[in-house]
Protein backbone atom coordinates (compact mmCIF):
# COMPACT_ATOMS: atom_id res chain seq x y z
CA UNK A 1 -13.47 0.89 11.19
CA UNK A 2 -16.54 -1.26 10.57
CA UNK A 3 -16.35 -5.04 10.80
CA UNK A 4 -15.92 -6.05 7.14
CA UNK A 5 -13.47 -7.96 5.01
CA UNK A 6 -10.66 -5.53 4.02
CA UNK A 7 -9.72 -4.71 0.44
CA UNK A 8 -6.06 -4.58 -0.68
CA UNK A 9 -6.21 -0.79 -0.85
CA UNK A 10 -7.50 -0.41 2.72
CA UNK A 11 -5.29 1.12 5.39
CA UNK A 12 -3.65 -1.18 7.89
CA UNK A 13 -3.74 -0.22 11.56
CA UNK A 14 -0.16 1.08 11.33
CA UNK A 15 -0.92 3.21 8.26
CA UNK A 16 -4.12 4.57 9.78
CA UNK A 17 -2.20 5.59 12.90
CA UNK A 18 -0.14 7.97 10.73
CA UNK A 19 -3.25 9.68 9.35
CA UNK A 20 -5.81 9.46 12.13
CA UNK A 21 -4.64 12.48 14.21
CA UNK A 22 -4.99 14.87 11.26
CA UNK A 23 -8.46 13.69 10.24
CA UNK A 24 -9.67 13.49 13.85
CA UNK A 25 -8.55 17.08 14.48
CA UNK A 26 -10.32 18.17 11.27
CA UNK A 27 -13.56 16.48 12.34
CA UNK A 28 -13.43 17.86 15.87
CA UNK A 29 -13.04 21.39 14.53
CA UNK A 30 -15.94 21.02 12.11
CA UNK A 31 -18.15 19.25 14.65
CA UNK A 32 -17.66 22.02 17.16
CA UNK A 33 -18.88 24.52 14.57
CA UNK A 34 -21.69 22.42 13.12
CA UNK A 35 -23.40 20.72 16.07
CA UNK A 36 -25.65 23.72 16.68
CA UNK A 37 -26.95 23.52 13.11
CA UNK A 38 -26.97 19.81 12.26
CA UNK A 39 -26.59 16.26 13.44
CA UNK A 40 -23.28 14.71 14.50
CA UNK A 41 -21.30 12.73 11.88
CA UNK A 42 -22.23 9.06 11.61
CA UNK A 43 -19.56 7.59 9.32
CA UNK A 44 -16.14 6.37 10.38
CA UNK A 45 -13.27 8.49 9.05
CA UNK A 46 -11.17 5.44 8.29
CA UNK A 47 -13.94 3.87 6.19
CA UNK A 48 -14.33 7.12 4.27
CA UNK A 49 -10.62 7.37 3.47
CA UNK A 50 -10.47 3.66 2.60
CA UNK A 51 -13.28 4.23 0.10
CA UNK A 52 -11.40 7.14 -1.50
CA UNK A 53 -8.23 5.04 -1.72
CA UNK A 54 -10.30 2.24 -3.31
CA UNK A 55 -11.56 4.56 -6.05
CA UNK A 56 -8.08 5.97 -6.65
CA UNK A 57 -6.50 2.52 -6.86
CA UNK A 58 -9.15 0.69 -8.88
CA UNK A 59 -10.36 3.52 -11.10
CA UNK A 60 -14.07 2.74 -10.65
CA UNK A 61 -16.75 5.46 -10.87
CA UNK A 62 -17.91 6.80 -7.52
CA UNK A 63 -21.36 5.27 -8.02
CA UNK A 64 -19.79 1.79 -8.29
CA UNK A 65 -18.33 1.78 -4.77
CA UNK A 66 -18.94 -1.56 -2.99
CA UNK A 67 -21.90 -1.44 -0.64
CA UNK A 68 -19.83 -2.27 2.43
CA UNK A 69 -18.31 1.21 2.22
CA UNK A 70 -20.34 4.28 3.24
CA UNK A 71 -22.76 5.58 0.55
CA UNK A 72 -20.90 6.90 -2.48
CA UNK A 73 -22.57 10.31 -2.16
CA UNK A 74 -21.15 10.65 1.35
CA UNK A 75 -17.69 9.45 0.30
CA UNK A 76 -17.55 11.90 -2.60
CA UNK A 77 -18.78 14.74 -0.37
CA UNK A 78 -15.91 14.10 2.06
CA UNK A 79 -13.44 13.81 -0.83
CA UNK A 80 -14.58 17.17 -2.20
CA UNK A 81 -14.53 18.78 1.25
CA UNK A 82 -11.04 17.49 2.08
CA UNK A 83 -9.78 18.71 -1.29
CA UNK A 84 -11.32 22.15 -0.86
CA UNK A 85 -10.05 22.57 2.71
CA UNK A 86 -6.52 21.38 1.90
CA UNK A 87 -6.59 18.22 4.01
CA UNK A 88 -4.96 16.06 1.32
CA UNK A 89 -2.24 18.65 0.82
CA UNK A 90 -1.69 18.78 4.58
CA UNK A 91 -1.40 15.00 4.84
CA UNK A 92 0.98 14.90 1.87
CA UNK A 93 3.27 17.42 3.56
CA UNK A 94 3.17 15.63 6.92
CA UNK A 95 3.94 12.21 5.44
CA UNK A 96 6.66 13.58 3.15
CA UNK A 97 8.48 15.09 6.11
CA UNK A 98 8.19 11.80 8.01
CA UNK A 99 9.58 9.83 5.06
CA UNK A 100 12.47 12.24 4.58
CA UNK A 101 13.31 12.13 8.29
CA UNK A 102 13.15 8.33 8.31
CA UNK A 103 15.62 8.28 5.38
CA UNK A 104 18.05 10.55 7.25
CA UNK A 105 17.19 13.66 5.23
CA UNK A 106 16.21 17.11 6.39
CA UNK A 107 12.41 17.41 6.71
CA UNK A 108 12.33 20.15 4.08
CA UNK A 109 14.09 19.71 0.70
CA UNK A 110 16.75 21.97 -0.78
CA UNK A 111 16.36 20.77 -4.39
CA UNK A 112 13.56 19.63 -6.67
CA UNK A 113 12.76 18.26 -10.13
CA UNK A 114 10.04 19.60 -12.45
CA UNK A 115 8.22 17.67 -15.17
CA UNK A 116 4.81 17.15 -16.80
CA UNK A 117 2.66 14.30 -18.08
CA UNK A 118 -0.18 14.59 -20.60
CA UNK A 119 -3.11 12.18 -20.22
CA UNK A 120 -6.37 11.63 -22.05
CA UNK A 121 -9.65 12.58 -20.39
CA UNK A 122 -13.02 10.89 -20.00
CA UNK A 123 -16.22 12.11 -21.62
CA UNK A 124 -17.45 13.87 -18.46
CA UNK A 125 -14.49 16.29 -18.41
CA UNK A 126 -15.52 19.78 -19.62
CA UNK A 127 -13.87 20.76 -22.90
CA UNK A 128 -12.97 24.13 -21.39
CA UNK A 129 -10.48 22.42 -19.05
CA UNK A 130 -8.69 20.33 -21.66
CA UNK A 131 -6.78 20.87 -24.88
CA UNK A 132 -4.33 19.31 -27.36
CA UNK A 133 -0.71 18.46 -26.62
CA UNK A 134 0.55 18.61 -30.20
CA UNK A 135 3.96 17.12 -29.42
CA UNK A 136 2.51 14.02 -27.76
CA UNK A 137 -0.63 13.88 -29.92
CA UNK A 138 -2.91 13.79 -26.90
CA UNK A 139 -6.08 15.77 -26.31
CA UNK A 140 -6.67 16.05 -22.59
CA UNK A 141 -5.02 17.46 -19.50
CA UNK A 142 -1.48 17.87 -18.28
CA UNK A 143 -0.20 16.99 -14.82
CA UNK A 144 2.64 19.31 -13.88
CA UNK A 145 4.48 18.15 -10.76
CA UNK A 146 7.47 19.10 -8.66
CA UNK A 147 9.15 16.42 -6.54
CA UNK A 148 12.07 16.39 -4.14
CA UNK A 149 15.17 14.34 -4.96
CA UNK A 150 13.50 11.26 -3.46
CA UNK A 151 10.56 11.54 -5.85
CA UNK A 152 8.09 12.71 -3.20
CA UNK A 153 5.48 15.23 -4.30
CA UNK A 154 5.97 18.90 -3.45
CA UNK A 155 3.51 20.62 -5.82
CA UNK A 156 0.99 19.45 -8.43
CA UNK A 157 -0.82 21.60 -10.99
CA UNK A 158 -3.35 20.19 -13.46
CA UNK A 159 -3.95 22.22 -16.61
CA UNK A 160 -5.24 21.72 -20.12
CA UNK A 161 -2.69 19.73 -22.15
CA UNK A 162 -2.35 22.73 -24.48
CA UNK A 163 -0.74 24.85 -21.73
CA UNK A 164 2.98 25.13 -22.43
CA UNK A 165 5.48 23.73 -19.93
CA UNK A 166 7.06 27.16 -19.60
CA UNK A 167 3.77 28.74 -18.51
CA UNK A 168 2.99 26.02 -15.99
CA UNK A 169 6.63 25.92 -14.86
CA UNK A 170 6.57 29.54 -13.75
CA UNK A 171 3.45 28.88 -11.66
CA UNK A 172 5.05 25.79 -10.14
CA UNK A 173 8.23 27.62 -9.15
CA UNK A 174 6.22 30.46 -7.63
CA UNK A 175 4.40 27.94 -5.43
CA UNK A 176 7.62 26.11 -4.57
CA UNK A 177 9.26 29.36 -3.46
CA UNK A 178 6.24 30.23 -1.30
CA UNK A 179 5.57 26.79 0.19
CA UNK A 180 9.13 25.41 0.33
CA UNK A 181 11.49 28.35 0.88
CA UNK A 182 14.44 26.01 1.52
CA UNK A 183 14.53 24.96 -2.15
CA UNK A 184 17.35 26.68 -4.03
CA UNK A 185 17.99 24.23 -6.90
CA UNK A 186 15.75 22.71 -9.57
CA UNK A 187 16.25 20.43 -12.56
CA UNK A 188 13.99 20.37 -15.61
CA UNK A 189 13.98 19.34 -19.28
CA UNK A 190 14.24 21.51 -22.38
CA UNK A 191 10.56 22.45 -22.23
CA UNK A 192 11.31 24.71 -19.27
CA UNK A 193 14.27 26.66 -20.64
CA UNK A 194 14.60 30.44 -20.93
CA UNK A 195 11.54 31.97 -19.22
CA UNK A 196 11.42 29.36 -16.44
CA UNK A 197 15.17 29.66 -15.80
CA UNK A 198 14.84 33.44 -15.57
CA UNK A 199 11.77 33.20 -13.33
CA UNK A 200 13.58 30.77 -11.05
CA UNK A 201 16.56 33.12 -10.78
CA UNK A 202 14.23 35.93 -9.73
CA UNK A 203 12.87 33.65 -6.98
CA UNK A 204 16.32 32.55 -5.83
CA UNK A 205 16.06 29.08 -7.41
CA UNK A 206 18.82 27.92 -9.74
CA UNK A 207 17.04 26.03 -12.56
CA UNK A 208 19.34 23.65 -14.45
CA UNK A 209 18.16 22.27 -17.78
CA UNK A 210 19.02 18.59 -18.23
CA UNK A 211 19.91 18.16 -21.89
CA UNK A 212 19.80 14.88 -23.75
CA UNK A 213 23.02 13.88 -25.51
CA UNK A 214 22.22 14.18 -29.24
CA UNK A 215 24.57 11.26 -30.00
CA UNK A 216 22.45 8.79 -28.00
CA UNK A 217 19.72 6.65 -29.55
CA UNK A 218 16.72 5.02 -27.91
CA UNK A 219 15.85 5.20 -24.24
CA UNK A 220 18.55 6.63 -22.00
CA UNK A 221 18.15 7.48 -18.32
CA UNK A 222 18.53 11.22 -17.84
CA UNK A 223 20.43 12.46 -14.77
CA UNK A 224 18.13 13.74 -12.02
CA UNK A 225 15.06 13.64 -14.29
CA UNK A 226 14.66 9.89 -13.82
CA UNK A 227 13.45 10.61 -10.27
CA UNK A 228 10.34 12.48 -11.37
CA UNK A 229 9.73 9.97 -14.17
CA UNK A 230 9.70 7.24 -11.53
CA UNK A 231 7.11 9.24 -9.59
CA UNK A 232 4.87 9.29 -12.67
CA UNK A 233 5.35 5.52 -12.80
CA UNK A 234 4.18 5.24 -9.19
CA UNK A 235 1.11 7.33 -9.99
CA UNK A 236 0.18 5.22 -13.00
CA UNK A 237 -0.21 2.18 -10.74
CA UNK A 238 -3.46 3.89 -9.71
CA UNK A 239 -6.07 3.26 -12.38
CA UNK A 240 -7.96 6.45 -11.59
CA UNK A 241 -4.87 8.31 -12.83
CA UNK A 242 -4.39 6.30 -16.05
CA UNK A 243 -6.88 8.79 -17.54
CA UNK A 244 -8.26 12.01 -16.09
CA UNK A 245 -11.84 11.38 -14.93
CA UNK A 246 -12.35 14.42 -12.71
CA UNK A 247 -14.65 17.22 -13.82
CA UNK A 248 -12.57 19.81 -11.92
CA UNK A 249 -8.77 20.15 -12.26
CA UNK A 250 -8.53 20.69 -8.49
CA UNK A 251 -10.11 17.25 -7.94
CA UNK A 252 -7.53 15.77 -10.31
CA UNK A 253 -4.79 17.27 -8.18
CA UNK A 254 -6.45 15.75 -5.11
CA UNK A 255 -6.36 12.29 -6.72
CA UNK A 256 -2.59 12.69 -7.17
CA UNK A 257 -2.28 13.62 -3.51
CA UNK A 258 -4.35 10.58 -2.49
CA UNK A 259 -2.07 8.28 -4.50
CA UNK A 260 1.03 9.75 -2.84
CA UNK A 261 -0.57 9.47 0.61
CA UNK A 262 -1.16 5.77 0.04
CA UNK A 263 2.39 5.30 -1.25
CA UNK A 264 4.10 7.16 1.60
CA UNK A 265 2.11 5.43 4.35
CA UNK A 266 3.23 2.07 2.94
CA UNK A 267 6.79 3.31 2.73
CA UNK A 268 6.77 4.40 6.36
CA UNK A 269 5.32 1.12 7.61
CA UNK A 270 7.38 -1.12 5.32
CA UNK A 271 4.31 -2.64 3.67
CA UNK A 272 4.35 -3.75 0.06
CA UNK A 273 2.14 -2.18 -2.59
CA UNK A 274 -0.01 -4.64 -4.56
CA UNK A 275 0.18 -3.99 -8.30
CA UNK A 276 -1.93 -5.14 -11.23
CA UNK A 277 0.94 -6.95 -12.93
CA UNK A 278 0.44 -10.69 -13.13
CA UNK A 279 -3.22 -10.54 -12.04
């Protein structure tokens, strides 16, 4: 880490210690393959990740990165490379298992919750990757996520907001069954009934639809589903996720992973998360 004044989003030494082995191993592998064709890397991995966390937390455009970080072109290139090579997904899985173990849970979950969130997009997002969510009156994209019963991310899928929950739900369950074979139970809302329930049964996952009591009025906490709603609340503390700014859906998914990486490292080290409330 370079000698500079830290930002609130920067990793502490304890948080960096959780991530450093994975990124160092990634760099060593790439350096071994690339040294014969190019120059060795010159930027510190911690500074690069701190810059990505800064963008995710503050919501600024890449070009507006403070000058005491590495050049924005370099930071974005690493962000894109780590997304493409699954580094963020790998870190998310590693940290999730550590959090679950620290809480006295099994490293791998046996149950999950499915839900979606529609968000507006910025002007740079291609129209081919967005659409209207008629029910919520939003034109943009939809974040479909699966969490464990602690609210930790298992799978994320970003689609156009016009894609029905049932269609995305089947894709999510297919990935859950492949990546988390210990999961045998799932909860979801009414948007995932019928086809998703049947698809889950074919995969060996019992999908239970959480129904709202028609006699209730106003906001009422729904059993099990409140966990995934809380996760969306955690994500919305990151201004980059208040709207979808990424040109590619895969980069949007990476931004969700980055937010969860920041959250879980703080959870493991017992550090508080600064929020924008009251500032």
